Protein backbone atom coordinates (compact mmCIF):
# COMPACT_ATOMS: atom_id res chain seq x y z
CA UNK A 1 0.06 -24.20 -15.25
CA UNK A 2 3.74 -23.27 -15.59
CA UNK A 3 4.67 -19.65 -15.76
CA UNK A 4 7.21 -17.49 -14.05
CA UNK A 5 7.58 -15.23 -11.05
CA UNK A 6 9.71 -13.16 -8.88
CA UNK A 7 10.81 -15.45 -6.00
CA UNK A 8 12.66 -14.50 -2.82
CA UNK A 9 14.73 -17.47 -1.41
CA UNK A 10 16.27 -15.81 1.76
CA UNK A 11 16.79 -12.57 3.64
CA UNK A 12 18.67 -9.82 1.76
CA UNK A 13 18.88 -11.81 -1.44
CA UNK A 14 17.68 -10.45 -4.92
CA UNK A 15 14.34 -11.45 -6.41
CA UNK A 16 14.92 -14.34 -8.69
CA UNK A 17 12.59 -14.51 -11.72
CA UNK A 18 12.27 -18.18 -12.60
CA UNK A 19 9.73 -20.88 -13.67
CA UNK A 20 6.81 -21.50 -11.18
CA UNK A 21 3.92 -23.76 -11.24
CA UNK A 22 0.46 -22.52 -10.30
CA UNK A 23 -2.48 -24.84 -9.46
CA UNK A 24 -5.93 -24.45 -11.10
CA UNK A 25 -8.67 -22.58 -9.06
CA UNK A 26 -10.74 -24.60 -6.70
CA UNK A 27 -13.91 -23.78 -5.04
CA UNK A 28 -14.19 -19.94 -4.37
CA UNK A 29 -11.03 -19.14 -6.41
CA UNK A 30 -10.33 -17.36 -9.71
CA UNK A 31 -7.34 -17.44 -11.99
CA UNK A 32 -6.22 -13.98 -13.23
CA UNK A 33 -3.86 -13.00 -16.16
CA UNK A 34 -2.02 -10.06 -14.55
CA UNK A 35 -1.58 -6.86 -16.55
CA UNK A 36 0.29 -4.69 -13.94
CA UNK A 37 1.73 -4.88 -10.58
CA UNK A 38 2.76 -1.99 -8.24
CA UNK A 39 6.07 -2.16 -6.58
CA UNK A 40 5.23 -1.28 -2.97
CA UNK A 41 7.88 -0.91 -0.22
CA UNK A 42 6.10 -3.51 1.92
CA UNK A 43 7.50 -6.14 -0.42
CA UNK A 44 10.99 -4.94 0.28
CA UNK A 45 10.22 -5.33 3.98
CA UNK A 46 10.24 -9.10 3.18
CA UNK A 47 13.84 -8.79 1.78
CA UNK A 48 15.02 -7.06 4.98
CA UNK A 49 13.13 -9.26 7.42
CA UNK A 50 11.09 -6.43 8.80
CA UNK A 51 7.85 -8.29 7.71
CA UNK A 52 8.42 -11.84 9.10
CA UNK A 53 7.18 -14.60 6.65
CA UNK A 54 6.40 -18.06 7.94
CA UNK A 55 9.27 -19.42 5.66
CA UNK A 56 10.98 -19.14 2.43
CA UNK A 57 10.65 -19.10 -0.61
CA UNK A 58 8.27 -16.19 -1.04
CA UNK A 59 6.71 -14.79 -4.24
CA UNK A 60 6.36 -10.92 -4.17
CA UNK A 61 3.64 -8.51 -5.10
CA UNK A 62 0.46 -7.48 -3.39
CA UNK A 63 -0.57 -4.66 -5.71
CA UNK A 64 -2.02 -5.68 -9.09
CA UNK A 65 -4.62 -5.66 -11.82
CA UNK A 66 -5.63 -7.96 -14.53
CA UNK A 67 -8.32 -9.99 -16.20
CA UNK A 68 -10.18 -13.11 -14.96
CA UNK A 69 -9.39 -16.13 -17.07
CA UNK A 70 -10.88 -19.02 -15.02
CA UNK A 71 -13.45 -19.55 -12.33
CA UNK A 72 -13.36 -22.03 -9.69
CA UNK A 73 -16.66 -23.81 -8.50
CA UNK A 74 -19.04 -21.72 -6.60
CA UNK A 75 -17.69 -18.24 -7.40
CA UNK A 76 -20.36 -15.55 -7.52
CA UNK A 77 -20.54 -12.02 -8.97
CA UNK A 78 -17.41 -12.50 -10.95
CA UNK A 79 -16.99 -13.75 -14.83
CA UNK A 80 -14.30 -14.64 -17.03
CA UNK A 81 -13.17 -11.44 -18.80
CA UNK A 82 -13.88 -9.18 -15.89
CA UNK A 83 -11.19 -6.59 -15.17
CA UNK A 84 -10.23 -6.75 -11.47
CA UNK A 85 -7.92 -5.18 -8.80
CA UNK A 86 -6.35 -7.38 -6.12
CA UNK A 87 -7.03 -6.21 -2.54
CA UNK A 88 -4.09 -7.16 -0.21
CA UNK A 89 -6.65 -7.65 2.62
CA UNK A 90 -9.37 -10.21 1.84
CA UNK A 91 -12.89 -9.46 3.13
CA UNK A 92 -15.20 -12.29 4.04
CA UNK A 93 -18.11 -10.00 4.91
CA UNK A 94 -19.19 -12.13 7.75
CA UNK A 95 -16.54 -12.05 10.57
CA UNK A 96 -16.98 -9.72 13.56
CA UNK A 97 -14.62 -7.03 11.98
CA UNK A 98 -16.41 -7.15 8.60
CA UNK A 99 -19.72 -7.14 10.36
CA UNK A 100 -18.67 -3.98 12.19
CA UNK A 101 -17.70 -2.25 8.96
CA UNK A 102 -14.00 -2.86 9.33
CA UNK A 103 -13.29 -5.12 6.32
CA UNK A 104 -9.67 -3.92 6.41
CA UNK A 105 -9.28 -6.00 9.66
CA UNK A 106 -11.09 -9.12 8.31
CA UNK A 107 -10.36 -12.16 10.20
CA UNK A 108 -9.06 -13.85 7.04
CA UNK A 109 -6.12 -11.50 7.50
CA UNK A 110 -4.51 -13.80 10.06
CA UNK A 111 -3.36 -16.00 7.32
CA UNK A 112 -1.90 -13.40 4.88
CA UNK A 113 1.70 -14.38 5.59
CA UNK A 114 1.30 -18.09 6.00
CA UNK A 115 0.95 -18.85 2.26
CA UNK A 116 -1.93 -21.24 2.95
CA UNK A 117 -4.95 -20.67 0.53
CA UNK A 118 -8.04 -19.49 2.06
CA UNK A 119 -10.12 -22.13 0.16
CA UNK A 120 -8.54 -25.26 1.48
CA UNK A 121 -5.29 -24.57 3.42
CA UNK A 122 -2.82 -25.77 0.78
CA UNK A 123 -0.11 -24.08 -1.35
CA UNK A 124 -0.99 -22.77 -4.73
CA UNK A 125 2.47 -21.99 -6.03
CA UNK A 126 5.55 -24.22 -6.37
CA UNK A 127 9.10 -23.49 -7.55
CA UNK A 128 12.11 -25.97 -7.58
CA UNK A 129 9.76 -28.46 -6.04
CA UNK A 130 9.13 -26.41 -2.99
CA UNK A 131 5.87 -24.72 -1.66
CA UNK A 132 6.10 -20.91 -2.35
CA UNK A 133 4.33 -18.31 -0.08
CA UNK A 134 2.60 -15.67 -2.04
CA UNK A 135 2.81 -12.20 -0.54
CA UNK A 136 -0.57 -11.48 1.21
CA UNK A 137 -1.93 -14.68 -0.55
CA UNK A 138 -1.62 -12.90 -3.82
CA UNK A 139 1.71 -12.83 -5.54
CA UNK A 140 1.24 -10.21 -8.27
CA UNK A 141 4.94 -10.50 -9.39
CA UNK A 142 3.86 -13.15 -11.91
CA UNK A 143 1.92 -13.00 -15.16
CA UNK A 144 -0.71 -15.40 -13.84
CA UNK A 145 -2.09 -16.03 -10.21
CA UNK A 146 -4.83 -17.96 -8.53
CA UNK A 147 -6.55 -16.15 -5.62
CA UNK A 148 -9.66 -16.41 -3.49
CA UNK A 149 -12.58 -14.26 -4.51
CA UNK A 150 -12.57 -12.41 -1.33
CA UNK A 151 -9.38 -10.69 -2.55
CA UNK A 152 -10.76 -9.53 -5.87
CA UNK A 153 -12.63 -6.45 -6.64
CA UNK A 154 -14.24 -5.87 -10.02
CA UNK A 155 -13.59 -2.57 -11.85
CA UNK A 156 -14.75 -0.72 -15.01
CA UNK A 157 -13.00 -1.88 -18.04
CA UNK A 158 -12.03 1.58 -19.22
CA UNK A 159 -9.53 2.03 -16.31
CA UNK A 160 -5.91 1.69 -17.43
CA UNK A 161 -4.47 -1.36 -15.73
CA UNK A 162 -1.33 0.56 -14.54
CA UNK A 163 -3.39 2.98 -12.68
CA UNK A 164 -5.77 0.29 -11.43
CA UNK A 165 -2.95 -1.66 -9.88
CA UNK A 166 -2.06 1.33 -7.42
CA UNK A 167 -5.52 1.24 -5.74
CA UNK A 168 -4.93 -2.17 -4.34
CA UNK A 169 -2.64 -0.88 -1.61
CA UNK A 170 -0.80 2.37 -1.60
CA UNK A 171 -3.39 4.81 -2.82
CA UNK A 172 -6.34 3.79 -0.46
CA UNK A 173 -3.84 3.44 2.35
CA UNK A 174 -2.50 7.02 2.01
CA UNK A 175 -5.86 8.64 0.94
CA UNK A 176 -7.84 7.05 3.87
CA UNK A 177 -4.95 7.94 6.31
CA UNK A 178 -5.75 11.60 5.54
CA UNK A 179 -9.56 11.54 4.81
CA UNK A 180 -10.66 8.76 7.29
CA UNK A 181 -8.05 8.21 9.99
CA UNK A 182 -6.76 11.79 10.41
CA UNK A 183 -10.18 13.23 9.36
CA UNK A 184 -8.58 16.16 7.94
CA UNK A 185 -11.00 19.36 7.91
CA UNK A 186 -11.06 22.39 5.69
CA UNK A 187 -8.74 25.06 6.84
CA UNK A 188 -6.49 22.71 8.85
CA UNK A 189 -2.69 22.30 8.65
CA UNK A 190 -1.28 18.91 7.81
CA UNK A 191 2.15 17.39 7.89
CA UNK A 192 2.88 14.48 5.51
CA UNK A 193 6.16 12.73 6.66
CA UNK A 194 7.44 10.79 3.54
CA UNK A 195 6.09 11.39 0.01
CA UNK A 196 6.47 8.02 -1.79
CA UNK A 197 3.36 6.33 -3.20
CA UNK A 198 1.53 6.20 0.10
CA UNK A 199 2.58 9.69 1.28
CA UNK A 200 1.66 11.27 -2.05
CA UNK A 201 -1.84 9.67 -1.79
CA UNK A 202 -2.18 10.99 1.74
CA UNK A 203 -1.15 14.45 0.38
CA UNK A 204 -3.83 14.25 -2.23
CA UNK A 205 -6.38 13.22 0.40
CA UNK A 206 -5.46 16.31 2.42
CA UNK A 207 -5.82 18.63 -0.63
CA UNK A 208 -9.20 17.03 -1.30
CA UNK A 209 -10.30 17.61 2.33
CA UNK A 210 -9.51 21.34 2.10
CA UNK A 211 -6.37 21.58 4.09
CA UNK A 212 -5.07 25.15 4.15
CA UNK A 213 -1.37 24.30 4.61
CA UNK A 214 0.30 20.96 3.66
CA UNK A 215 3.82 20.53 4.85
CA UNK A 216 5.63 17.60 2.96
CA UNK A 217 8.80 16.27 4.73
CA UNK A 218 11.18 14.09 2.72
CA UNK A 219 14.92 13.77 2.45
CA UNK A 220 14.88 13.52 -1.31
CA UNK A 221 14.79 16.85 -3.22
CA UNK A 222 13.06 15.45 -6.23
CA UNK A 223 10.37 14.05 -4.08
CA UNK A 224 10.00 17.40 -2.37
CA UNK A 225 9.53 19.09 -5.89
CA UNK A 226 6.97 16.56 -6.74
CA UNK A 227 4.95 17.14 -3.48
CA UNK A 228 4.73 20.75 -4.38
CA UNK A 229 3.23 19.78 -7.75
CA UNK A 230 0.70 17.53 -6.10
CA UNK A 231 -0.59 20.28 -3.82
CA UNK A 232 1.87 20.64 -0.81
CA UNK A 233 2.30 24.30 0.25
CA UNK A 234 5.69 23.83 1.77
CA UNK A 235 8.38 21.11 1.69
CA UNK A 236 11.21 20.32 4.14
CA UNK A 237 14.10 17.81 4.15
CA UNK A 238 13.45 16.69 7.77
CA UNK A 239 11.27 16.96 10.82
CA UNK A 240 14.07 19.04 12.52
CA UNK A 241 14.18 21.46 9.66
CA UNK A 242 10.43 21.86 9.63
CA UNK A 243 9.83 22.82 13.24
CA UNK A 244 10.67 26.58 13.18
CA UNK A 245 9.01 27.31 9.77
CA UNK A 246 5.84 25.58 10.94
CA UNK A 247 5.91 27.38 14.19
CA UNK A 248 6.00 30.63 12.21
CA UNK A 249 3.53 29.51 9.49
CA UNK A 250 0.96 28.33 12.08
CA UNK A 251 1.43 31.15 14.55
CA UNK A 252 2.78 28.59 16.98
CA UNK A 253 -0.24 26.33 16.76
CA UNK A 254 1.52 23.57 14.83
CA UNK A 255 -0.36 21.23 12.50
CA UNK A 256 -3.75 19.79 13.52
CA UNK A 257 -3.05 16.61 11.69
CA UNK A 258 0.25 14.62 11.22
CA UNK A 259 0.59 11.61 8.98
CA UNK A 260 3.72 9.34 9.07
CA UNK A 261 4.23 7.63 5.59
CA UNK A 262 7.93 6.98 5.53
CA UNK A 263 9.19 3.90 3.69
CA UNK A 264 10.43 2.32 7.00
CA UNK A 265 9.02 3.20 10.35
CA UNK A 266 11.29 3.69 13.38
CA UNK A 267 10.21 4.48 16.93
CA UNK A 268 11.95 7.89 17.09
CA UNK A 269 9.72 9.26 14.25
CA UNK A 270 6.70 9.21 16.74
CA UNK A 271 8.12 12.04 18.83
CA UNK A 272 9.35 13.97 15.89
CA UNK A 273 5.76 13.90 14.45
CA UNK A 274 4.12 14.68 17.72
CA UNK A 275 6.33 17.79 18.09
CA UNK A 276 4.87 19.00 14.90
CA UNK A 277 1.30 18.09 15.99
CA UNK A 278 -0.90 20.73 17.76
CA UNK A 279 -2.75 20.49 21.03
CA UNK A 280 -5.68 18.13 20.70
CA UNK A 281 -4.22 17.12 17.33
CA UNK A 282 -4.02 13.83 15.68
CA UNK A 283 -0.94 11.84 14.38
CA UNK A 284 -1.54 8.85 12.25
CA UNK A 285 1.14 6.16 11.84
CA UNK A 286 0.55 4.62 8.50
CA UNK A 287 4.28 3.52 7.90
CA UNK A 288 5.18 -0.05 8.83
CA UNK A 289 8.21 -0.79 10.97
CA UNK A 290 9.99 -4.15 11.87
CA UNK A 291 7.83 -6.57 13.72
CA UNK A 292 10.70 -6.84 16.34
CA UNK A 293 11.05 -3.15 16.91
CA UNK A 294 9.29 -2.44 20.29
CA UNK A 295 10.97 0.92 21.14
CA UNK A 296 9.06 4.11 20.72
CA UNK A 297 10.27 7.53 21.70
CA UNK A 298 7.37 9.54 23.22
CA UNK A 299 7.25 12.39 25.81
CA UNK A 300 4.60 11.06 27.91
CA UNK A 301 4.02 14.22 29.83
CA UNK A 302 3.36 16.30 26.80
CA UNK A 303 1.38 13.51 25.05
CA UNK A 304 -1.22 13.55 27.76
CA UNK A 305 -1.06 17.07 28.95
CA UNK A 306 -1.50 18.45 25.32
CA UNK A 307 -4.33 15.69 24.70
CA UNK A 308 -2.99 14.38 21.45
CA UNK A 309 -4.26 11.43 19.54
CA UNK A 310 -1.92 8.66 18.14
CA UNK A 311 -3.46 6.24 15.72
CA UNK A 312 -2.41 3.24 13.63
CA UNK A 313 -4.06 2.13 10.48
CA UNK A 314 -4.10 -0.47 7.68
CA UNK A 315 -5.58 0.29 4.26
CA UNK A 316 -6.35 3.68 5.40
CA UNK A 317 -9.22 2.33 7.54
CA UNK A 318 -11.23 1.81 4.44
CA UNK A 319 -13.19 -1.10 3.00
CA UNK A 320 -11.66 -2.39 -0.29
CA UNK A 321 -15.02 -3.12 -2.09
CA UNK A 322 -16.12 0.48 -1.43
CA UNK A 323 -12.87 2.28 -1.45
CA UNK A 324 -11.31 0.98 -4.73
CA UNK A 325 -14.30 1.75 -7.02
CA UNK A 326 -14.76 5.18 -5.33
CA UNK A 327 -11.08 6.10 -5.99
CA UNK A 328 -11.23 5.01 -9.57
CA UNK A 329 -14.37 6.94 -10.03
CA UNK A 330 -12.54 10.03 -8.67
CA UNK A 331 -9.68 9.26 -11.18
CA UNK A 332 -12.07 9.16 -13.99
CA UNK A 333 -13.52 12.48 -13.03
CA UNK A 334 -10.14 14.16 -12.78
CA UNK A 335 -10.27 14.50 -9.00
CA UNK A 336 -7.50 12.22 -8.32
CA UNK A 337 -4.14 12.25 -9.99
CA UNK A 338 -2.86 8.64 -10.42
CA UNK A 339 -1.19 9.04 -13.79
CA UNK A 340 1.67 11.17 -12.42
CA UNK A 341 2.21 8.82 -9.45
CA UNK A 342 3.56 6.25 -11.84
CA UNK A 343 7.10 7.31 -12.35
CA UNK A 344 8.55 4.43 -14.24
CA UNK A 345 7.50 0.99 -15.55
CA UNK A 346 9.49 -2.17 -15.59
CA UNK A 347 9.41 -5.73 -16.94
CA UNK A 348 9.22 -8.53 -14.53
CA UNK A 349 12.85 -9.28 -15.14
CA UNK A 350 13.62 -5.65 -14.09
CA UNK A 351 12.14 -6.04 -10.57
CA UNK A 352 15.46 -5.60 -8.83
CA UNK A 353 16.06 -2.44 -10.90
CA UNK A 354 12.73 -1.10 -9.81
CA UNK A 355 13.40 -1.71 -6.19
CA UNK A 356 16.84 -0.10 -6.28
CA UNK A 357 15.21 2.94 -7.96
CA UNK A 358 12.74 3.02 -5.05
CA UNK A 359 15.53 2.84 -2.46
CA UNK A 360 17.39 5.60 -4.28
CA UNK A 361 14.33 7.95 -4.16
CA UNK A 362 13.85 8.00 -7.95
CA UNK A 363 10.31 6.81 -7.87
CA UNK A 364 6.96 7.77 -6.38
CA UNK A 365 5.73 4.36 -7.61
CA UNK A 366 7.19 1.85 -10.04
CA UNK A 367 4.96 -0.49 -11.88
CA UNK A 368 5.58 -3.82 -13.53
CA UNK A 369 3.75 -4.22 -16.86
CA UNK A 370 3.08 -7.60 -18.37
CA UNK A 371 2.87 -8.10 -22.18
CA UNK A 372 1.83 -10.87 -24.54
CA UNK A 373 5.42 -12.18 -24.30
CA UNK A 374 4.87 -12.85 -20.51
CA UNK A 375 1.57 -14.71 -20.96
């Protein structure tokens, strides 16, 4: 079918909304009419080259929700009309990682940036006569998509689509960074470095885990204000500005848990975070840096002598088929605030405006909403 999508044709170029052609679903695939797509910073990493794709053009979008409109042969447990969320990490359920309970590290993830469909190794999207790589084999920056069933999670039909889109990436990544990877305990002090969509989710995870003090760090004044509304006890413009107050507020112990959720990771942030981390404390690096960045600033003596832990994480260490329904259930019961995380909504044609707003610090999360005019 012919539809439209936001395509990136080269590094540091704007997204181009233009006609695309999407193939019909083959065995194991479904076609989805998209309702909403989250505008995550990771898609901007494609623009800058921090996330290296196999080639261009690339269609953006890896957070999204919608309705199944077609089934390919052999699809089980999904039906036309189902409301679904797209998980940016597919889960086969059979590889060594999935079998060990780490579906966020499924072996199917090795092909996420290749553009080759899981089902048959071909391209599903074409534009201007060329093969198009969909971000994370999804491409939610289009009113329609064809995707493998391993990337699809069924949800309740009473969940708003814009809210549902957020739990495909940013919310579970941040939430799990606090609750699962950092293992925040009641009474602990926690530092959140960067309070965009992922950071604000980590902050909410720390609140729900019973953290006594939550120190939000972000250079944008408006985001610091929002962090306080979401449950942070203190907010600072930088790690340097936070050191002395945190020493005073923790009686010199520093924070037991530190989580780095900045928009773009750099090596010097590791030492900044570890300076704010207590003895035998844990620092979780959730933020993504450039693939080519190999330099990390780290005081090796203090790192070992103070017995600190340094962890990386993807999808907050969670399993999409468990985490997505659980987070949405918490939303429905009023235990998780997702409505206020959506700062602005955009049309697909406004995708570049949305990313400029993100870069300018105006959004916690921007969301693209599709309408009947798009379908």
